[in-house]
All heavy atoms as atom14 arrays in JSON, in Angstrom:
{
  "sequence": "ENLPGYSVSLLSPTADSLRAVLDRLGATIALTPEQVD",
  "atom14_mask": [
    [1, 1, 1, 1, 1, 1, 1, 1, 1, 0, 0, 0, 0, 0],
    [1, 1, 1, 1, 1, 1, 1, 1, 0, 0, 0, 0, 0, 0],
    [1, 1, 1, 1, 1, 1, 1, 1, 0, 0, 0, 0, 0, 0],
    [1, 1, 1, 1, 1, 1, 1, 0, 0, 0, 0, 0, 0, 0],
    [1, 1, 1, 1, 0, 0, 0, 0, 0, 0, 0, 0, 0, 0],
    [1, 1, 1, 1, 1, 1, 1, 1, 1, 1, 1, 1, 0, 0],
    [1, 1, 1, 1, 1, 1, 0, 0, 0, 0, 0, 0, 0, 0],
    [1, 1, 1, 1, 1, 1, 1, 0, 0, 0, 0, 0, 0, 0],
    [1, 1, 1, 1, 1, 1, 0, 0, 0, 0, 0, 0, 0, 0],
    [1, 1, 1, 1, 1, 1, 1, 1, 0, 0, 0, 0, 0, 0],
    [1, 1, 1, 1, 1, 1, 1, 1, 0, 0, 0, 0, 0, 0],
    [1, 1, 1, 1, 1, 1, 0, 0, 0, 0, 0, 0, 0, 0],
    [1, 1, 1, 1, 1, 1, 1, 0, 0, 0, 0, 0, 0, 0],
    [1, 1, 1, 1, 1, 1, 1, 0, 0, 0, 0, 0, 0, 0],
    [1, 1, 1, 1, 1, 0, 0, 0, 0, 0, 0, 0, 0, 0],
    [1, 1, 1, 1, 1, 1, 1, 1, 0, 0, 0, 0, 0, 0],
    [1, 1, 1, 1, 1, 1, 0, 0, 0, 0, 0, 0, 0, 0],
    [1, 1, 1, 1, 1, 1, 1, 1, 0, 0, 0, 0, 0, 0],
    [1, 1, 1, 1, 1, 1, 1, 1, 1, 1, 1, 0, 0, 0],
    [1, 1, 1, 1, 1, 0, 0, 0, 0, 0, 0, 0, 0, 0],
    [1, 1, 1, 1, 1, 1, 1, 0, 0, 0, 0, 0, 0, 0],
    [1, 1, 1, 1, 1, 1, 1, 1, 0, 0, 0, 0, 0, 0],
    [1, 1, 1, 1, 1, 1, 1, 1, 0, 0, 0, 0, 0, 0],
    [1, 1, 1, 1, 1, 1, 1, 1, 1, 1, 1, 0, 0, 0],
    [1, 1, 1, 1, 1, 1, 1, 1, 0, 0, 0, 0, 0, 0],
    [1, 1, 1, 1, 0, 0, 0, 0, 0, 0, 0, 0, 0, 0],
    [1, 1, 1, 1, 1, 0, 0, 0, 0, 0, 0, 0, 0, 0],
    [1, 1, 1, 1, 1, 1, 1, 0, 0, 0, 0, 0, 0, 0],
    [1, 1, 1, 1, 1, 1, 1, 1, 0, 0, 0, 0, 0, 0],
    [1, 1, 1, 1, 1, 0, 0, 0, 0, 0, 0, 0, 0, 0],
    [1, 1, 1, 1, 1, 1, 1, 1, 0, 0, 0, 0, 0, 0],
    [1, 1, 1, 1, 1, 1, 1, 0, 0, 0, 0, 0, 0, 0],
    [1, 1, 1, 1, 1, 1, 1, 0, 0, 0, 0, 0, 0, 0],
    [1, 1, 1, 1, 1, 1, 1, 1, 1, 0, 0, 0, 0, 0],
    [1, 1, 1, 1, 1, 1, 1, 1, 1, 0, 0, 0, 0, 0],
    [1, 1, 1, 1, 1, 1, 1, 0, 0, 0, 0, 0, 0, 0],
    [1, 1, 1, 1, 1, 1, 1, 1, 0, 0, 0, 0, 0, 0]
  ],
  "atom14_positions": [
    [[-8.9, -22.97, -8.46], [-10.17, -22.17, -8.12], [-9.99, -20.74, -8.42], [-8.8, -20.28, -8.65], [-10.52, -22.49, -6.7], [-9.51, -21.98, -5.72], [-9.87, -22.32, -4.26], [-11.04, -22.25, -3.93], [-9.01, -22.64, -3.53], [0.0, 0.0, 0.0], [0.0, 0.0, 0.0], [0.0, 0.0, 0.0], [0.0, 0.0, 0.0], [0.0, 0.0, 0.0]],
    [[-11.05, -20.03, -8.41], [-11.02, -18.57, -8.61], [-10.82, -17.88, -7.28], [-11.6, -18.15, -6.34], [-12.29, -18.14, -9.3], [-12.43, -18.64, -10.7], [-11.41, -18.67, -11.41], [-13.55, -19.19, -11.12], [0.0, 0.0, 0.0], [0.0, 0.0, 0.0], [0.0, 0.0, 0.0], [0.0, 0.0, 0.0], [0.0, 0.0, 0.0], [0.0, 0.0, 0.0]],
    [[-9.92, -16.95, -7.18], [-9.74, -16.22, -5.95], [-9.8, -14.75, -6.42], [-9.23, -14.34, -7.47], [-8.39, -16.5, -5.33], [-8.23, -17.91, -4.8], [-6.8, -18.14, -4.3], [-9.2, -18.18, -3.7], [0.0, 0.0, 0.0], [0.0, 0.0, 0.0], [0.0, 0.0, 0.0], [0.0, 0.0, 0.0], [0.0, 0.0, 0.0], [0.0, 0.0, 0.0]],
    [[-10.37, -13.86, -5.58], [-10.36, -12.44, -5.95], [-8.99, -11.83, -5.9], [-8.17, -12.23, -5.08], [-11.31, -11.81, -4.94], [-11.33, -12.73, -3.78], [-11.04, -14.13, -4.32], [0.0, 0.0, 0.0], [0.0, 0.0, 0.0], [0.0, 0.0, 0.0], [0.0, 0.0, 0.0], [0.0, 0.0, 0.0], [0.0, 0.0, 0.0], [0.0, 0.0, 0.0]],
    [[-8.7, -10.96, -6.79], [-7.43, -10.23, -6.78], [-7.67, -8.75, -6.87], [-8.67, -8.29, -7.47], [0.0, 0.0, 0.0], [0.0, 0.0, 0.0], [0.0, 0.0, 0.0], [0.0, 0.0, 0.0], [0.0, 0.0, 0.0], [0.0, 0.0, 0.0], [0.0, 0.0, 0.0], [0.0, 0.0, 0.0], [0.0, 0.0, 0.0], [0.0, 0.0, 0.0]],
    [[-6.85, -7.95, -6.24], [-7.03, -6.56, -6.25], [-5.71, -5.83, -6.6], [-4.67, -6.35, -6.43], [-7.44, -6.08, -4.82], [-8.71, -6.79, -4.33], [-8.69, -7.93, -3.57], [-9.93, -6.34, -4.69], [-9.8, -8.55, -3.18], [-11.09, -6.93, -4.28], [-11.02, -8.07, -3.5], [-12.13, -8.68, -3.14], [0.0, 0.0, 0.0], [0.0, 0.0, 0.0]],
    [[-5.88, -4.64, -7.1], [-4.78, -3.77, -7.44], [-5.04, -2.4, -6.92], [-6.15, -1.85, -7.08], [-4.6, -3.73, -9.01], [-3.59, -2.81, -9.32], [0.0, 0.0, 0.0], [0.0, 0.0, 0.0], [0.0, 0.0, 0.0], [0.0, 0.0, 0.0], [0.0, 0.0, 0.0], [0.0, 0.0, 0.0], [0.0, 0.0, 0.0], [0.0, 0.0, 0.0]],
    [[-4.03, -1.8, -6.23], [-4.19, -0.48, -5.65], [-3.14, 0.41, -6.31], [-1.94, 0.06, -6.38], [-4.0, -0.51, -4.13], [-4.06, 0.92, -3.56], [-5.05, -1.4, -3.49], [0.0, 0.0, 0.0], [0.0, 0.0, 0.0], [0.0, 0.0, 0.0], [0.0, 0.0, 0.0], [0.0, 0.0, 0.0], [0.0, 0.0, 0.0], [0.0, 0.0, 0.0]],
    [[-3.57, 1.58, -6.83], [-2.63, 2.57, -7.36], [-2.67, 3.8, -6.53], [-3.73, 4.26, -6.21], [-3.04, 2.9, -8.81], [-2.95, 1.71, -9.67], [0.0, 0.0, 0.0], [0.0, 0.0, 0.0], [0.0, 0.0, 0.0], [0.0, 0.0, 0.0], [0.0, 0.0, 0.0], [0.0, 0.0, 0.0], [0.0, 0.0, 0.0], [0.0, 0.0, 0.0]],
    [[-1.49, 4.3, -6.24], [-1.46, 5.53, -5.4], [-0.7, 6.59, -6.19], [0.33, 6.28, -6.82], [-0.69, 5.26, -4.11], [-1.23, 4.19, -3.17], [-0.28, 3.95, -2.01], [-2.6, 4.64, -2.68], [0.0, 0.0, 0.0], [0.0, 0.0, 0.0], [0.0, 0.0, 0.0], [0.0, 0.0, 0.0], [0.0, 0.0, 0.0], [0.0, 0.0, 0.0]],
    [[-1.25, 7.83, -6.16], [-0.54, 8.96, -6.76], [-0.22, 9.89, -5.62], [-1.07, 10.34, -4.84], [-1.44, 9.65, -7.77], [-1.84, 8.87, -8.98], [-2.82, 9.68, -9.85], [-0.6, 8.48, -9.77], [0.0, 0.0, 0.0], [0.0, 0.0, 0.0], [0.0, 0.0, 0.0], [0.0, 0.0, 0.0], [0.0, 0.0, 0.0], [0.0, 0.0, 0.0]],
    [[1.07, 10.17, -5.41], [1.5, 10.96, -4.3], [2.52, 12.04, -4.82], [3.4, 11.71, -5.59], [2.19, 10.08, -3.26], [2.61, 10.78, -2.16], [0.0, 0.0, 0.0], [0.0, 0.0, 0.0], [0.0, 0.0, 0.0], [0.0, 0.0, 0.0], [0.0, 0.0, 0.0], [0.0, 0.0, 0.0], [0.0, 0.0, 0.0], [0.0, 0.0, 0.0]],
    [[2.39, 13.22, -4.35], [3.37, 14.28, -4.79], [4.72, 14.17, -4.13], [5.69, 14.57, -4.67], [2.63, 15.62, -4.42], [1.73, 15.23, -3.32], [1.33, 13.77, -3.54], [0.0, 0.0, 0.0], [0.0, 0.0, 0.0], [0.0, 0.0, 0.0], [0.0, 0.0, 0.0], [0.0, 0.0, 0.0], [0.0, 0.0, 0.0], [0.0, 0.0, 0.0]],
    [[4.78, 13.63, -2.9], [6.08, 13.48, -2.25], [6.24, 12.12, -1.61], [5.29, 11.44, -1.39], [6.14, 14.53, -1.12], [5.18, 14.2, -0.09], [5.93, 15.97, -1.61], [0.0, 0.0, 0.0], [0.0, 0.0, 0.0], [0.0, 0.0, 0.0], [0.0, 0.0, 0.0], [0.0, 0.0, 0.0], [0.0, 0.0, 0.0], [0.0, 0.0, 0.0]],
    [[7.49, 11.84, -1.32], [7.83, 10.55, -0.7], [7.19, 10.44, 0.69], [6.73, 9.42, 1.12], [9.3, 10.33, -0.56], [0.0, 0.0, 0.0], [0.0, 0.0, 0.0], [0.0, 0.0, 0.0], [0.0, 0.0, 0.0], [0.0, 0.0, 0.0], [0.0, 0.0, 0.0], [0.0, 0.0, 0.0], [0.0, 0.0, 0.0], [0.0, 0.0, 0.0]],
    [[7.18, 11.6, 1.44], [6.59, 11.58, 2.77], [5.12, 11.29, 2.75], [4.64, 10.55, 3.62], [6.83, 12.98, 3.42], [8.3, 13.15, 3.84], [9.04, 12.15, 3.97], [8.71, 14.34, 3.98], [0.0, 0.0, 0.0], [0.0, 0.0, 0.0], [0.0, 0.0, 0.0], [0.0, 0.0, 0.0], [0.0, 0.0, 0.0], [0.0, 0.0, 0.0]],
    [[4.41, 11.87, 1.85], [2.93, 11.61, 1.76], [2.66, 10.2, 1.34], [1.72, 9.57, 1.83], [2.24, 12.61, 0.81], [2.67, 12.45, -0.53], [0.0, 0.0, 0.0], [0.0, 0.0, 0.0], [0.0, 0.0, 0.0], [0.0, 0.0, 0.0], [0.0, 0.0, 0.0], [0.0, 0.0, 0.0], [0.0, 0.0, 0.0], [0.0, 0.0, 0.0]],
    [[3.49, 9.61, 0.45], [3.35, 8.22, 0.08], [3.55, 7.36, 1.27], [2.8, 6.41, 1.49], [4.3, 7.86, -1.12], [4.27, 6.4, -1.49], [2.89, 6.04, -2.01], [5.33, 6.13, -2.57], [0.0, 0.0, 0.0], [0.0, 0.0, 0.0], [0.0, 0.0, 0.0], [0.0, 0.0, 0.0], [0.0, 0.0, 0.0], [0.0, 0.0, 0.0]],
    [[4.65, 7.61, 2.02], [4.92, 6.83, 3.23], [3.74, 6.88, 4.23], [3.36, 5.84, 4.79], [6.2, 7.31, 3.88], [6.56, 6.67, 5.18], [7.16, 5.35, 5.11], [8.45, 5.4, 4.43], [9.16, 4.28, 4.29], [8.73, 3.14, 4.68], [10.31, 4.35, 3.69], [0.0, 0.0, 0.0], [0.0, 0.0, 0.0], [0.0, 0.0, 0.0]],
    [[3.11, 8.07, 4.37], [1.99, 8.18, 5.31], [0.83, 7.36, 4.84], [0.15, 6.69, 5.66], [1.63, 9.67, 5.44], [0.0, 0.0, 0.0], [0.0, 0.0, 0.0], [0.0, 0.0, 0.0], [0.0, 0.0, 0.0], [0.0, 0.0, 0.0], [0.0, 0.0, 0.0], [0.0, 0.0, 0.0], [0.0, 0.0, 0.0], [0.0, 0.0, 0.0]],
    [[0.52, 7.42, 3.55], [-0.54, 6.61, 2.99], [-0.32, 5.11, 3.15], [-1.17, 4.37, 3.51], [-0.87, 6.97, 1.54], [-1.88, 6.01, 0.84], [-1.34, 8.39, 1.4], [0.0, 0.0, 0.0], [0.0, 0.0, 0.0], [0.0, 0.0, 0.0], [0.0, 0.0, 0.0], [0.0, 0.0, 0.0], [0.0, 0.0, 0.0], [0.0, 0.0, 0.0]],
    [[0.92, 4.7, 2.87], [1.23, 3.32, 3.04], [1.14, 2.83, 4.45], [0.65, 1.73, 4.79], [2.66, 3.03, 2.52], [2.82, 3.12, 0.95], [4.3, 3.02, 0.59], [2.0, 2.06, 0.27], [0.0, 0.0, 0.0], [0.0, 0.0, 0.0], [0.0, 0.0, 0.0], [0.0, 0.0, 0.0], [0.0, 0.0, 0.0], [0.0, 0.0, 0.0]],
    [[1.55, 3.7, 5.42], [1.35, 3.38, 6.82], [-0.14, 3.23, 7.25], [-0.51, 2.33, 7.9], [1.97, 4.46, 7.69], [3.52, 4.46, 7.63], [4.08, 3.39, 7.2], [4.17, 5.44, 8.02], [0.0, 0.0, 0.0], [0.0, 0.0, 0.0], [0.0, 0.0, 0.0], [0.0, 0.0, 0.0], [0.0, 0.0, 0.0], [0.0, 0.0, 0.0]],
    [[-0.98, 4.14, 6.64], [-2.41, 4.02, 6.91], [-3.01, 2.76, 6.31], [-3.87, 2.1, 6.86], [-3.15, 5.25, 6.45], [-2.97, 6.41, 7.37], [-3.99, 7.55, 7.03], [-4.16, 7.82, 5.63], [-3.53, 8.89, 5.06], [-2.8, 9.65, 5.67], [-3.8, 9.12, 3.73], [0.0, 0.0, 0.0], [0.0, 0.0, 0.0], [0.0, 0.0, 0.0]],
    [[-2.54, 2.44, 5.04], [-3.06, 1.22, 4.36], [-2.63, -0.04, 5.1], [-3.31, -1.1, 5.06], [-2.55, 1.14, 2.97], [-3.3, 1.94, 1.97], [-2.61, 1.85, 0.56], [-4.69, 1.51, 1.83], [0.0, 0.0, 0.0], [0.0, 0.0, 0.0], [0.0, 0.0, 0.0], [0.0, 0.0, 0.0], [0.0, 0.0, 0.0], [0.0, 0.0, 0.0]],
    [[-1.54, 0.02, 5.81], [-1.03, -1.18, 6.56], [-2.08, -1.71, 7.53], [-2.02, -2.9, 7.93], [0.0, 0.0, 0.0], [0.0, 0.0, 0.0], [0.0, 0.0, 0.0], [0.0, 0.0, 0.0], [0.0, 0.0, 0.0], [0.0, 0.0, 0.0], [0.0, 0.0, 0.0], [0.0, 0.0, 0.0], [0.0, 0.0, 0.0], [0.0, 0.0, 0.0]],
    [[-2.99, -0.85, 7.98], [-4.09, -1.32, 8.87], [-5.1, -2.16, 8.14], [-5.82, -2.98, 8.78], [-4.73, -0.09, 9.58], [0.0, 0.0, 0.0], [0.0, 0.0, 0.0], [0.0, 0.0, 0.0], [0.0, 0.0, 0.0], [0.0, 0.0, 0.0], [0.0, 0.0, 0.0], [0.0, 0.0, 0.0], [0.0, 0.0, 0.0], [0.0, 0.0, 0.0]],
    [[-5.21, -1.98, 6.85], [-6.17, -2.69, 6.06], [-5.59, -3.81, 5.19], [-6.11, -4.9, 5.1], [-6.9, -1.71, 5.12], [-7.43, -0.65, 5.89], [-8.0, -2.35, 4.36], [0.0, 0.0, 0.0], [0.0, 0.0, 0.0], [0.0, 0.0, 0.0], [0.0, 0.0, 0.0], [0.0, 0.0, 0.0], [0.0, 0.0, 0.0], [0.0, 0.0, 0.0]],
    [[-4.4, -3.5, 4.63], [-3.76, -4.43, 3.75], [-2.47, -4.86, 4.45], [-1.73, -4.06, 4.99], [-3.38, -3.77, 2.39], [-4.61, -3.22, 1.72], [-2.64, -4.72, 1.49], [-4.32, -2.36, 0.49], [0.0, 0.0, 0.0], [0.0, 0.0, 0.0], [0.0, 0.0, 0.0], [0.0, 0.0, 0.0], [0.0, 0.0, 0.0], [0.0, 0.0, 0.0]],
    [[-2.23, -6.18, 4.47], [-0.96, -6.65, 5.13], [0.23, -6.31, 4.23], [0.46, -7.01, 3.25], [-1.09, -8.16, 5.34], [0.0, 0.0, 0.0], [0.0, 0.0, 0.0], [0.0, 0.0, 0.0], [0.0, 0.0, 0.0], [0.0, 0.0, 0.0], [0.0, 0.0, 0.0], [0.0, 0.0, 0.0], [0.0, 0.0, 0.0], [0.0, 0.0, 0.0]],
    [[0.92, -5.25, 4.57], [2.06, -4.81, 3.83], [3.33, -5.16, 4.68], [3.43, -4.7, 5.85], [2.06, -3.31, 3.57], [0.97, -2.8, 2.6], [0.98, -1.32, 2.51], [1.26, -3.4, 1.18], [0.0, 0.0, 0.0], [0.0, 0.0, 0.0], [0.0, 0.0, 0.0], [0.0, 0.0, 0.0], [0.0, 0.0, 0.0], [0.0, 0.0, 0.0]],
    [[4.28, -5.8, 4.1], [5.52, -6.09, 4.79], [6.44, -4.88, 4.63], [6.28, -4.07, 3.7], [6.2, -7.3, 4.19], [6.63, -7.0, 2.87], [5.36, -8.54, 4.23], [0.0, 0.0, 0.0], [0.0, 0.0, 0.0], [0.0, 0.0, 0.0], [0.0, 0.0, 0.0], [0.0, 0.0, 0.0], [0.0, 0.0, 0.0], [0.0, 0.0, 0.0]],
    [[7.43, -4.74, 5.53], [8.39, -3.61, 5.37], [9.09, -3.69, 4.05], [9.39, -2.63, 3.45], [9.34, -3.81, 6.54], [8.51, -4.58, 7.6], [7.63, -5.45, 6.79], [0.0, 0.0, 0.0], [0.0, 0.0, 0.0], [0.0, 0.0, 0.0], [0.0, 0.0, 0.0], [0.0, 0.0, 0.0], [0.0, 0.0, 0.0], [0.0, 0.0, 0.0]],
    [[9.34, -4.89, 3.53], [9.98, -5.01, 2.22], [9.1, -4.49, 1.11], [9.62, -3.84, 0.16], [10.34, -6.52, 1.93], [11.4, -7.08, 2.9], [10.84, -7.47, 4.23], [9.61, -7.64, 4.39], [11.71, -7.61, 5.14], [0.0, 0.0, 0.0], [0.0, 0.0, 0.0], [0.0, 0.0, 0.0], [0.0, 0.0, 0.0], [0.0, 0.0, 0.0]],
    [[7.8, -4.73, 1.21], [6.89, -4.21, 0.18], [6.81, -2.66, 0.21], [6.78, -2.06, -0.8], [5.47, -4.8, 0.38], [5.38, -6.22, 0.02], [4.05, -6.88, 0.43], [3.54, -6.61, 1.49], [3.52, -7.68, -0.5], [0.0, 0.0, 0.0], [0.0, 0.0, 0.0], [0.0, 0.0, 0.0], [0.0, 0.0, 0.0], [0.0, 0.0, 0.0]],
    [[6.81, -2.12, 1.39], [6.82, -0.64, 1.54], [8.12, -0.02, 0.97], [8.09, 0.89, 0.21], [6.64, -0.21, 3.0], [6.81, 1.25, 3.19], [5.25, -0.67, 3.55], [0.0, 0.0, 0.0], [0.0, 0.0, 0.0], [0.0, 0.0, 0.0], [0.0, 0.0, 0.0], [0.0, 0.0, 0.0], [0.0, 0.0, 0.0], [0.0, 0.0, 0.0]],
    [[9.23, -0.69, 1.28], [10.55, -0.23, 0.75], [10.55, -0.32, -0.8], [11.05, 0.6, -1.45], [11.71, -1.03, 1.37], [11.93, -0.72, 2.77], [11.45, 0.35, 3.3], [12.56, -1.52, 3.51], [0.0, 0.0, 0.0], [0.0, 0.0, 0.0], [0.0, 0.0, 0.0], [0.0, 0.0, 0.0], [0.0, 0.0, 0.0], [0.0, 0.0, 0.0]]
  ]
}
């Protein structure tokens, strides 16, 4: 069957800002700690 698929691209100037965005996205997208790492 057909299932929707999504792709998210993030542009971040620093590792800290990327980590902060990933933490905020965790409320919307189920991200495992392994995926964040």
